[in-house]
């Protein structure tokens, strides 16, 4: 945990470069995520050309907290790409 926290202090802000990323992207946010709240994910989504954001009930570890819901969401998004 200490190593991860140290790494975060040296992390570069990559948000300005998101606009050039054109691949379809699903941004999933947990409504109760205190570390990266939905407003953070909305900023990322708005910075991308081809992104869609979905907010689900849950916290920071949504794929582990609600794996069935998360899996269905990703499968549905993937099917829409085809």
PDB file of N, CA and C in Angstrom:
ATOM      1  N   UNK A   1       0.820  -1.185   0.000  1.00  0.00           N
ATOM      2  CA  UNK A   1       0.000   0.000   0.000  1.00  0.00           C
ATOM      3  C   UNK A   1       0.873   1.261   0.000  1.00  0.00           C
ATOM      4  N   UNK A   2       1.923   1.235   0.793  1.00  0.00           N
ATOM      5  CA  UNK A   2       2.819   2.399   0.814  1.00  0.00           C
ATOM      6  C   UNK A   2       3.445   2.656  -0.555  1.00  0.00           C
ATOM      7  N   UNK A   3       3.873   1.587  -1.208  1.00  0.00           N
ATOM      8  CA  UNK A   3       4.484   1.735  -2.536  1.00  0.00           C
ATOM      9  C   UNK A   3       3.472   2.310  -3.523  1.00  0.00           C
ATOM     10  N   UNK A   4       2.237   1.867  -3.452  1.00  0.00           N
ATOM     11  CA  UNK A   4       1.207   2.381  -4.354  1.00  0.00           C
ATOM     12  C   UNK A   4       0.934   3.856  -4.067  1.00  0.00           C
ATOM     13  N   UNK A   5       0.850   4.226  -2.811  1.00  0.00           N
ATOM     14  CA  UNK A   5       0.618   5.631  -2.468  1.00  0.00           C
ATOM     15  C   UNK A   5       1.774   6.518  -2.923  1.00  0.00           C
ATOM     16  N   UNK A   6       3.016   6.038  -2.791  1.00  0.00           N
ATOM     17  CA  UNK A   6       4.179   6.795  -3.278  1.00  0.00           C
ATOM     18  C   UNK A   6       4.102   6.973  -4.792  1.00  0.00           C
ATOM     19  N   UNK A   7       3.734   5.910  -5.482  1.00  0.00           N
ATOM     20  CA  UNK A   7       3.629   5.963  -6.931  1.00  0.00           C
ATOM     21  C   UNK A   7       2.585   6.997  -7.356  1.00  0.00           C
ATOM     22  N   UNK A   8       1.497   7.094  -6.640  1.00  0.00           N
ATOM     23  CA  UNK A   8       0.441   8.032  -6.996  1.00  0.00           C
ATOM     24  C   UNK A   8       0.903   9.478  -6.884  1.00  0.00           C
ATOM     25  N   UNK A   9       1.839   9.765  -6.026  1.00  0.00           N
ATOM     26  CA  UNK A   9       2.323  11.144  -5.890  1.00  0.00           C
ATOM     27  C   UNK A   9       3.159  11.559  -7.100  1.00  0.00           C
ATOM     28  N   UNK A  10       3.662  10.596  -7.858  1.00  0.00           N
ATOM     29  CA  UNK A  10       4.479  10.895  -9.039  1.00  0.00           C
ATOM     30  C   UNK A  10       3.716  10.681 -10.351  1.00  0.00           C
ATOM     31  N   UNK A  11       2.472  10.381 -10.237  1.00  0.00           N
ATOM     32  CA  UNK A  11       1.664  10.080 -11.412  1.00  0.00           C
ATOM     33  C   UNK A  11       1.398  11.340 -12.233  1.00  0.00           C
ATOM     34  N   UNK A  12       1.517  11.208 -13.557  1.00  0.00           N
ATOM     35  CA  UNK A  12       1.228  12.320 -14.466  1.00  0.00           C
ATOM     36  C   UNK A  12      -0.265  12.356 -14.785  1.00  0.00           C
ATOM     37  N   UNK A  13      -0.774  13.535 -14.999  1.00  0.00           N
ATOM     38  CA  UNK A  13      -2.170  13.712 -15.391  1.00  0.00           C
ATOM     39  C   UNK A  13      -2.273  13.461 -16.896  1.00  0.00           C
ATOM     40  N   UNK A  14      -2.932  12.400 -17.273  1.00  0.00           N
ATOM     41  CA  UNK A  14      -3.042  12.029 -18.687  1.00  0.00           C
ATOM     42  C   UNK A  14      -4.348  12.510 -19.323  1.00  0.00           C
ATOM     43  N   UNK A  15      -5.192  13.166 -18.538  1.00  0.00           N
ATOM     44  CA  UNK A  15      -6.482  13.605 -19.076  1.00  0.00           C
ATOM     45  C   UNK A  15      -6.370  14.507 -20.302  1.00  0.00           C
ATOM     46  N   UNK A  16      -5.396  15.409 -20.400  1.00  0.00           N
ATOM     47  CA  UNK A  16      -5.331  16.250 -21.605  1.00  0.00           C
ATOM     48  C   UNK A  16      -5.156  15.451 -22.899  1.00  0.00           C
ATOM     49  N   UNK A  17      -4.578  14.274 -22.842  1.00  0.00           N
ATOM     50  CA  UNK A  17      -4.351  13.474 -24.037  1.00  0.00           C
ATOM     51  C   UNK A  17      -5.494  12.542 -24.394  1.00  0.00           C
ATOM     52  N   UNK A  18      -6.548  12.523 -23.609  1.00  0.00           N
ATOM     53  CA  UNK A  18      -7.651  11.597 -23.871  1.00  0.00           C
ATOM     54  C   UNK A  18      -8.363  11.867 -25.193  1.00  0.00           C
ATOM     55  N   UNK A  19      -8.408  13.099 -25.632  1.00  0.00           N
ATOM     56  CA  UNK A  19      -9.150  13.462 -26.836  1.00  0.00           C
ATOM     57  C   UNK A  19      -8.666  12.711 -28.071  1.00  0.00           C
ATOM     58  N   UNK A  20      -7.394  12.349 -28.120  1.00  0.00           N
ATOM     59  CA  UNK A  20      -6.874  11.650 -29.297  1.00  0.00           C
ATOM     60  C   UNK A  20      -7.219  10.167 -29.285  1.00  0.00           C
ATOM     61  N   UNK A  21      -7.654   9.647 -28.154  1.00  0.00           N
ATOM     62  CA  UNK A  21      -8.005   8.234 -28.046  1.00  0.00           C
ATOM     63  C   UNK A  21      -9.396   8.030 -28.629  1.00  0.00           C
ATOM     64  N   UNK A  22      -9.499   7.261 -29.711  1.00  0.00           N
ATOM     65  CA  UNK A  22     -10.760   7.160 -30.442  1.00  0.00           C
ATOM     66  C   UNK A  22     -11.459   5.816 -30.285  1.00  0.00           C
ATOM     67  N   UNK A  23     -10.848   4.869 -29.621  1.00  0.00           N
ATOM     68  CA  UNK A  23     -11.467   3.551 -29.489  1.00  0.00           C
ATOM     69  C   UNK A  23     -12.721   3.639 -28.620  1.00  0.00           C
ATOM     70  N   UNK A  24     -13.732   2.842 -28.924  1.00  0.00           N
ATOM     71  CA  UNK A  24     -14.914   2.824 -28.070  1.00  0.00           C
ATOM     72  C   UNK A  24     -14.510   2.456 -26.636  1.00  0.00           C
ATOM     73  N   UNK A  25     -15.045   3.194 -25.693  1.00  0.00           N
ATOM     74  CA  UNK A  25     -14.655   3.016 -24.302  1.00  0.00           C
ATOM     75  C   UNK A  25     -15.878   3.047 -23.405  1.00  0.00           C
ATOM     76  N   UNK A  26     -15.953   2.098 -22.505  1.00  0.00           N
ATOM     77  CA  UNK A  26     -16.996   2.071 -21.486  1.00  0.00           C
ATOM     78  C   UNK A  26     -16.361   2.479 -20.174  1.00  0.00           C
ATOM     79  N   UNK A  27     -16.868   3.543 -19.582  1.00  0.00           N
ATOM     80  CA  UNK A  27     -16.393   4.018 -18.289  1.00  0.00           C
ATOM     81  C   UNK A  27     -17.460   3.652 -17.273  1.00  0.00           C
ATOM     82  N   UNK A  28     -17.101   2.811 -16.312  1.00  0.00           N
ATOM     83  CA  UNK A  28     -18.054   2.347 -15.305  1.00  0.00           C
ATOM     84  C   UNK A  28     -17.707   2.986 -13.970  1.00  0.00           C
ATOM     85  N   UNK A  29     -18.690   3.592 -13.372  1.00  0.00           N
ATOM     86  CA  UNK A  29     -18.496   4.304 -12.115  1.00  0.00           C
ATOM     87  C   UNK A  29     -19.401   3.724 -11.037  1.00  0.00           C
ATOM     88  N   UNK A  30     -18.868   3.656  -9.824  1.00  0.00           N
ATOM     89  CA  UNK A  30     -19.680   3.257  -8.675  1.00  0.00           C
ATOM     90  C   UNK A  30     -20.285   4.495  -8.039  1.00  0.00           C
ATOM     91  N   UNK A  31     -21.586   4.492  -7.836  1.00  0.00           N
ATOM     92  CA  UNK A  31     -22.272   5.658  -7.278  1.00  0.00           C
ATOM     93  C   UNK A  31     -21.742   6.033  -5.895  1.00  0.00           C
ATOM     94  N   UNK A  32     -21.247   5.052  -5.151  1.00  0.00           N
ATOM     95  CA  UNK A  32     -20.747   5.305  -3.798  1.00  0.00           C
ATOM     96  C   UNK A  32     -19.222   5.258  -3.731  1.00  0.00           C
ATOM     97  N   UNK A  33     -18.557   5.406  -4.867  1.00  0.00           N
ATOM     98  CA  UNK A  33     -17.094   5.367  -4.908  1.00  0.00           C
ATOM     99  C   UNK A  33     -16.542   6.660  -4.315  1.00  0.00           C
ATOM    100  N   UNK A  34     -15.881   6.559  -3.177  1.00  0.00           N
ATOM    101  CA  UNK A  34     -15.326   7.732  -2.516  1.00  0.00           C
ATOM    102  C   UNK A  34     -13.947   8.100  -3.052  1.00  0.00           C
ATOM    103  N   UNK A  35     -13.213   7.130  -3.603  1.00  0.00           N
ATOM    104  CA  UNK A  35     -11.876   7.408  -4.144  1.00  0.00           C
ATOM    105  C   UNK A  35     -11.931   8.065  -5.520  1.00  0.00           C
ATOM    106  N   UNK A  36     -12.797   7.552  -6.360  1.00  0.00           N
ATOM    107  CA  UNK A  36     -12.971   8.091  -7.716  1.00  0.00           C
ATOM    108  C   UNK A  36     -14.479   8.236  -7.954  1.00  0.00           C
ATOM    109  N   UNK A  37     -15.063   9.330  -7.488  1.00  0.00           N
ATOM    110  CA  UNK A  37     -16.519   9.493  -7.589  1.00  0.00           C
ATOM    111  C   UNK A  37     -16.984   9.654  -9.039  1.00  0.00           C
ATOM    112  N   UNK A  38     -18.290   9.514  -9.255  1.00  0.00           N
ATOM    113  CA  UNK A  38     -18.823   9.654 -10.613  1.00  0.00           C
ATOM    114  C   UNK A  38     -18.408  10.943 -11.312  1.00  0.00           C
ATOM    115  N   UNK A  39     -18.225  12.021 -10.580  1.00  0.00           N
ATOM    116  CA  UNK A  39     -17.798  13.275 -11.225  1.00  0.00           C
ATOM    117  C   UNK A  39     -16.415  13.118 -11.861  1.00  0.00           C
ATOM    118  N   UNK A  40     -15.550  12.344 -11.243  1.00  0.00           N
ATOM    119  CA  UNK A  40     -14.226  12.054 -11.795  1.00  0.00           C
ATOM    120  C   UNK A  40     -14.362  11.270 -13.095  1.00  0.00           C
ATOM    121  N   UNK A  41     -15.218  10.260 -13.080  1.00  0.00           N
ATOM    122  CA  UNK A  41     -15.425   9.446 -14.278  1.00  0.00           C
ATOM    123  C   UNK A  41     -16.114  10.246 -15.385  1.00  0.00           C
ATOM    124  N   UNK A  42     -16.993  11.164 -15.008  1.00  0.00           N
ATOM    125  CA  UNK A  42     -17.645  12.015 -16.011  1.00  0.00           C
ATOM    126  C   UNK A  42     -16.621  12.897 -16.701  1.00  0.00           C
ATOM    127  N   UNK A  43     -15.655  13.400 -15.953  1.00  0.00           N
ATOM    128  CA  UNK A  43     -14.601  14.222 -16.551  1.00  0.00           C
ATOM    129  C   UNK A  43     -13.786  13.414 -17.558  1.00  0.00           C
ATOM    130  N   UNK A  44     -13.479  12.180 -17.222  1.00  0.00           N
ATOM    131  CA  UNK A  44     -12.750  11.301 -18.142  1.00  0.00           C
ATOM    132  C   UNK A  44     -13.592  11.041 -19.390  1.00  0.00           C
ATOM    133  N   UNK A  45     -14.845  10.688 -19.193  1.00  0.00           N
ATOM    134  CA  UNK A  45     -15.748  10.388 -20.306  1.00  0.00           C
ATOM    135  C   UNK A  45     -15.894  11.588 -21.228  1.00  0.00           C
ATOM    136  N   UNK A  46     -16.074  12.767 -20.652  1.00  0.00           N
ATOM    137  CA  UNK A  46     -16.248  13.984 -21.457  1.00  0.00           C
ATOM    138  C   UNK A  46     -14.982  14.361 -22.221  1.00  0.00           C
ATOM    139  N   UNK A  47     -13.844  13.876 -21.752  1.00  0.00           N
ATOM    140  CA  UNK A  47     -12.588  14.165 -22.430  1.00  0.00           C
ATOM    141  C   UNK A  47     -12.286  13.235 -23.585  1.00  0.00           C
ATOM    142  N   UNK A  48     -13.127  12.231 -23.772  1.00  0.00           N
ATOM    143  CA  UNK A  48     -12.892  11.245 -24.832  1.00  0.00           C
ATOM    144  C   UNK A  48     -13.918  11.423 -25.942  1.00  0.00           C
ATOM    145  N   UNK A  49     -13.541  11.013 -27.134  1.00  0.00           N
ATOM    146  CA  UNK A  49     -14.419  11.180 -28.298  1.00  0.00           C
ATOM    147  C   UNK A  49     -15.486  10.103 -28.395  1.00  0.00           C
ATOM    148  N   UNK A  50     -15.187   8.913 -27.915  1.00  0.00           N
ATOM    149  CA  UNK A  50     -16.081   7.782 -28.167  1.00  0.00           C
ATOM    150  C   UNK A  50     -16.306   6.981 -26.882  1.00  0.00           C
ATOM    151  N   UNK A  51     -16.644   7.696 -25.816  1.00  0.00           N
ATOM    152  CA  UNK A  51     -16.810   7.031 -24.524  1.00  0.00           C
ATOM    153  C   UNK A  51     -18.252   7.125 -24.050  1.00  0.00           C
ATOM    154  N   UNK A  52     -18.634   6.118 -23.317  1.00  0.00           N
ATOM    155  CA  UNK A  52     -19.959   6.071 -22.692  1.00  0.00           C
ATOM    156  C   UNK A  52     -19.753   5.773 -21.219  1.00  0.00           C
ATOM    157  N   UNK A  53     -20.448   6.481 -20.360  1.00  0.00           N
ATOM    158  CA  UNK A  53     -20.319   6.269 -18.920  1.00  0.00           C
ATOM    159  C   UNK A  53     -21.608   5.684 -18.366  1.00  0.00           C
ATOM    160  N   UNK A  54     -21.436   4.712 -17.473  1.00  0.00           N
ATOM    161  CA  UNK A  54     -22.563   4.119 -16.767  1.00  0.00           C
ATOM    162  C   UNK A  54     -22.217   4.117 -15.285  1.00  0.00           C
ATOM    163  N   UNK A  55     -23.137   4.586 -14.466  1.00  0.00           N
ATOM    164  CA  UNK A  55     -22.945   4.568 -13.022  1.00  0.00           C
ATOM    165  C   UNK A  55     -23.851   3.503 -12.427  1.00  0.00           C
ATOM    166  N   UNK A  56     -23.262   2.652 -11.608  1.00  0.00           N
ATOM    167  CA  UNK A  56     -23.996   1.564 -10.961  1.00  0.00           C
ATOM    168  C   UNK A  56     -23.935   1.721  -9.448  1.00  0.00           C
ATOM    169  N   UNK A  57     -24.874   1.123  -8.749  1.00  0.00           N
ATOM    170  CA  UNK A  57     -24.812   1.091  -7.290  1.00  0.00           C
ATOM    171  C   UNK A  57     -23.569   0.319  -6.887  1.00  0.00           C
ATOM    172  N   UNK A  58     -22.765   0.899  -6.045  1.00  0.00           N
ATOM    173  CA  UNK A  58     -21.552   0.231  -5.583  1.00  0.00           C
ATOM    174  C   UNK A  58     -20.464   1.240  -5.303  1.00  0.00           C
ATOM    175  N   UNK A  59     -19.321   0.720  -4.913  1.00  0.00           N
ATOM    176  CA  UNK A  59     -18.199   1.557  -4.539  1.00  0.00           C
ATOM    177  C   UNK A  59     -17.055   1.488  -5.525  1.00  0.00           C
ATOM    178  N   UNK A  60     -15.835   1.585  -4.998  1.00  0.00           N
ATOM    179  CA  UNK A  60     -14.630   1.668  -5.818  1.00  0.00           C
ATOM    180  C   UNK A  60     -14.300   0.354  -6.528  1.00  0.00           C
ATOM    181  N   UNK A  61     -14.658  -0.747  -5.941  1.00  0.00           N
ATOM    182  CA  UNK A  61     -14.325  -2.061  -6.519  1.00  0.00           C
ATOM    183  C   UNK A  61     -15.573  -2.720  -7.103  1.00  0.00           C
ATOM    184  N   UNK A  62     -16.266  -1.983  -7.919  1.00  0.00           N
ATOM    185  CA  UNK A  62     -17.532  -2.434  -8.480  1.00  0.00           C
ATOM    186  C   UNK A  62     -17.469  -3.821  -9.130  1.00  0.00           C
ATOM    187  N   UNK A  63     -16.439  -4.154  -9.913  1.00  0.00           N
ATOM    188  CA  UNK A  63     -16.400  -5.496 -10.514  1.00  0.00           C
ATOM    189  C   UNK A  63     -16.366  -6.615  -9.464  1.00  0.00           C
ATOM    190  N   UNK A  64     -15.794  -6.337  -8.300  1.00  0.00           N
ATOM    191  CA  UNK A  64     -15.753  -7.344  -7.245  1.00  0.00           C
ATOM    192  C   UNK A  64     -17.004  -7.284  -6.363  1.00  0.00           C
ATOM    193  N   UNK A  65     -17.561  -6.104  -6.194  1.00  0.00           N
ATOM    194  CA  UNK A  65     -18.735  -5.932  -5.353  1.00  0.00           C
ATOM    195  C   UNK A  65     -19.995  -6.464  -6.021  1.00  0.00           C
ATOM    196  N   UNK A  66     -20.102  -6.249  -7.320  1.00  0.00           N
ATOM    197  CA  UNK A  66     -21.307  -6.640  -8.060  1.00  0.00           C
ATOM    198  C   UNK A  66     -20.908  -7.293  -9.383  1.00  0.00           C
ATOM    199  N   UNK A  67     -20.221  -8.434  -9.313  1.00  0.00           N
ATOM    200  CA  UNK A  67     -19.679  -9.037 -10.542  1.00  0.00           C
ATOM    201  C   UNK A  67     -20.737  -9.398 -11.579  1.00  0.00           C
ATOM    202  N   UNK A  68     -21.893  -9.841 -11.153  1.00  0.00           N
ATOM    203  CA  UNK A  68     -22.929 -10.228 -12.112  1.00  0.00           C
ATOM    204  C   UNK A  68     -23.439  -9.010 -12.876  1.00  0.00           C
ATOM    205  N   UNK A  69     -23.711  -7.937 -12.152  1.00  0.00           N
ATOM    206  CA  UNK A  69     -24.181  -6.703 -12.785  1.00  0.00           C
ATOM    207  C   UNK A  69     -23.100  -6.124 -13.693  1.00  0.00           C
ATOM    208  N   UNK A  70     -21.872  -6.090 -13.192  1.00  0.00           N
ATOM    209  CA  UNK A  70     -20.767  -5.549 -13.974  1.00  0.00           C
ATOM    210  C   UNK A  70     -20.550  -6.371 -15.248  1.00  0.00           C
ATOM    211  N   UNK A  71     -20.546  -7.689 -15.111  1.00  0.00           N
ATOM    212  CA  UNK A  71     -20.348  -8.558 -16.273  1.00  0.00           C
ATOM    213  C   UNK A  71     -21.434  -8.371 -17.316  1.00  0.00           C
ATOM    214  N   UNK A  72     -22.681  -8.274 -16.878  1.00  0.00           N
ATOM    215  CA  UNK A  72     -23.791  -8.068 -17.815  1.00  0.00           C
ATOM    216  C   UNK A  72     -23.660  -6.725 -18.529  1.00  0.00           C
ATOM    217  N   UNK A  73     -23.233  -5.717 -17.800  1.00  0.00           N
ATOM    218  CA  UNK A  73     -23.040  -4.395 -18.389  1.00  0.00           C
ATOM    219  C   UNK A  73     -21.971  -4.427 -19.476  1.00  0.00           C
ATOM    220  N   UNK A  74     -20.853  -5.059 -19.187  1.00  0.00           N
ATOM    221  CA  UNK A  74     -19.759  -5.132 -20.166  1.00  0.00           C
ATOM    222  C   UNK A  74     -20.173  -5.971 -21.377  1.00  0.00           C
ATOM    223  N   UNK A  75     -20.852  -7.094 -21.136  1.00  0.00           N
ATOM    224  CA  UNK A  75     -21.310  -7.926 -22.259  1.00  0.00           C
ATOM    225  C   UNK A  75     -22.285  -7.173 -23.153  1.00  0.00           C
ATOM    226  N   UNK A  76     -23.192  -6.424 -22.543  1.00  0.00           N
ATOM    227  CA  UNK A  76     -24.171  -5.650 -23.311  1.00  0.00           C
ATOM    228  C   UNK A  76     -23.467  -4.565 -24.137  1.00  0.00           C
ATOM    229  N   UNK A  77     -22.528  -3.876 -23.515  1.00  0.00           N
ATOM    230  CA  UNK A  77     -21.777  -2.833 -24.237  1.00  0.00           C
ATOM    231  C   UNK A  77     -21.004  -3.452 -25.393  1.00  0.00           C
ATOM    232  N   UNK A  78     -20.383  -4.580 -25.143  1.00  0.00           N
ATOM    233  CA  UNK A  78     -19.592  -5.260 -26.182  1.00  0.00           C
ATOM    234  C   UNK A  78     -20.488  -5.709 -27.332  1.00  0.00           C
ATOM    235  N   UNK A  79     -21.669  -6.236 -27.020  1.00  0.00           N
ATOM    236  CA  UNK A  79     -22.594  -6.672 -28.061  1.00  0.00           C
ATOM    237  C   UNK A  79     -23.047  -5.498 -28.918  1.00  0.00           C
ATOM    238  N   UNK A  80     -23.218  -4.331 -28.303  1.00  0.00           N
ATOM    239  CA  UNK A  80     -23.616  -3.145 -29.063  1.00  0.00           C
ATOM    240  C   UNK A  80     -22.534  -2.701 -30.048  1.00  0.00           C
ATOM    241  N   UNK A  81     -21.278  -3.042 -29.758  1.00  0.00           N
ATOM    242  CA  UNK A  81     -20.189  -2.689 -30.671  1.00  0.00           C
ATOM    243  C   UNK A  81     -20.237  -3.523 -31.946  1.00  0.00           C
ATOM    244  N   UNK A  82     -20.706  -4.731 -31.818  1.00  0.00           N
ATOM    245  CA  UNK A  82     -20.755  -5.629 -32.973  1.00  0.00           C
ATOM    246  C   UNK A  82     -21.931  -5.272 -33.832  1.00  0.00           C
TER     247      UNK A  82
END
